[in-house]
C-alpha cells in the first residue's frame, strides 16, 4: 500500500492514500501536550505516542492503544551518522551513501522491527544539491516498508512517500515515520549550522 505523509501548520500531520485521499491524521492532544494522537479521518484515536526520554542520545517514544502500552520506538546511537553524512557527500559524485541503523521498533507479541536509513543526493537546484533520506523497516531482515523524504517544492506540505507491504500494521508504521521525523528535526537542530535540515538546499558545489 502506498501513502503520502504531509504536514500542516502547528505540527499537524496528514496521511493520504495512493489516490490522494486523506485517511489518517496525527496531531498533539493539546497545544502544550507532548503526546500525539494518530486518528482516522473521523477523529477516532487509533494509537498515541509520546517521548519518554528527552536526551538526544537516548530518545525513546512509547506507543499506546486504548491507553495501554503496546510498544516503543528507540533511537539508536548511529542516528546522528545519518546527518553527518550530509557533509561527506558534498563535492562528491555519490547518489547515495551506505545505510545506518537509526532505530528499533518493538511491540507486544511481535517480532522487533529494525529501522535503517541512508542519505540521498537528488539533483541540483539553483546551484546547490538537495538532500534527503530513505528509511527502511526490516522484520527478520525482510523489507516490510520504506519511506522516502520528498525533495523539492512539496517538502513544505508533503514530507514522505511511503510503501508498505501486505499484511502489516500500516498505522503503526505510519506513526513511526512521524516519530522519526520528530527525532530528525531535533537531531538536526543540535548539529552545527553547516549540517542542513533534510530536504533544504545546500550550498553550491565546488568546481
Foldseek 3Di string as FASTA:
>chain_A
DKWWWWADPLGKIFIAHPVRHTFKIKDAPDSPHQKIFIGGPVRHGQKMKGWDDPDLQWTKMFMDGPNHTWKMKTFHNCQLVQLVVQVVCFLHDDQKDDKDWTIWIDGPPDAIKTKIKIKGWDDADPQFIAIWMKIFIAGVNHTFKIWTADADPCCNTIGIMMDGHPPDPVSVVVVVVSVVVVSQVVSQVPDDPQRDRHRDTHHHGDD
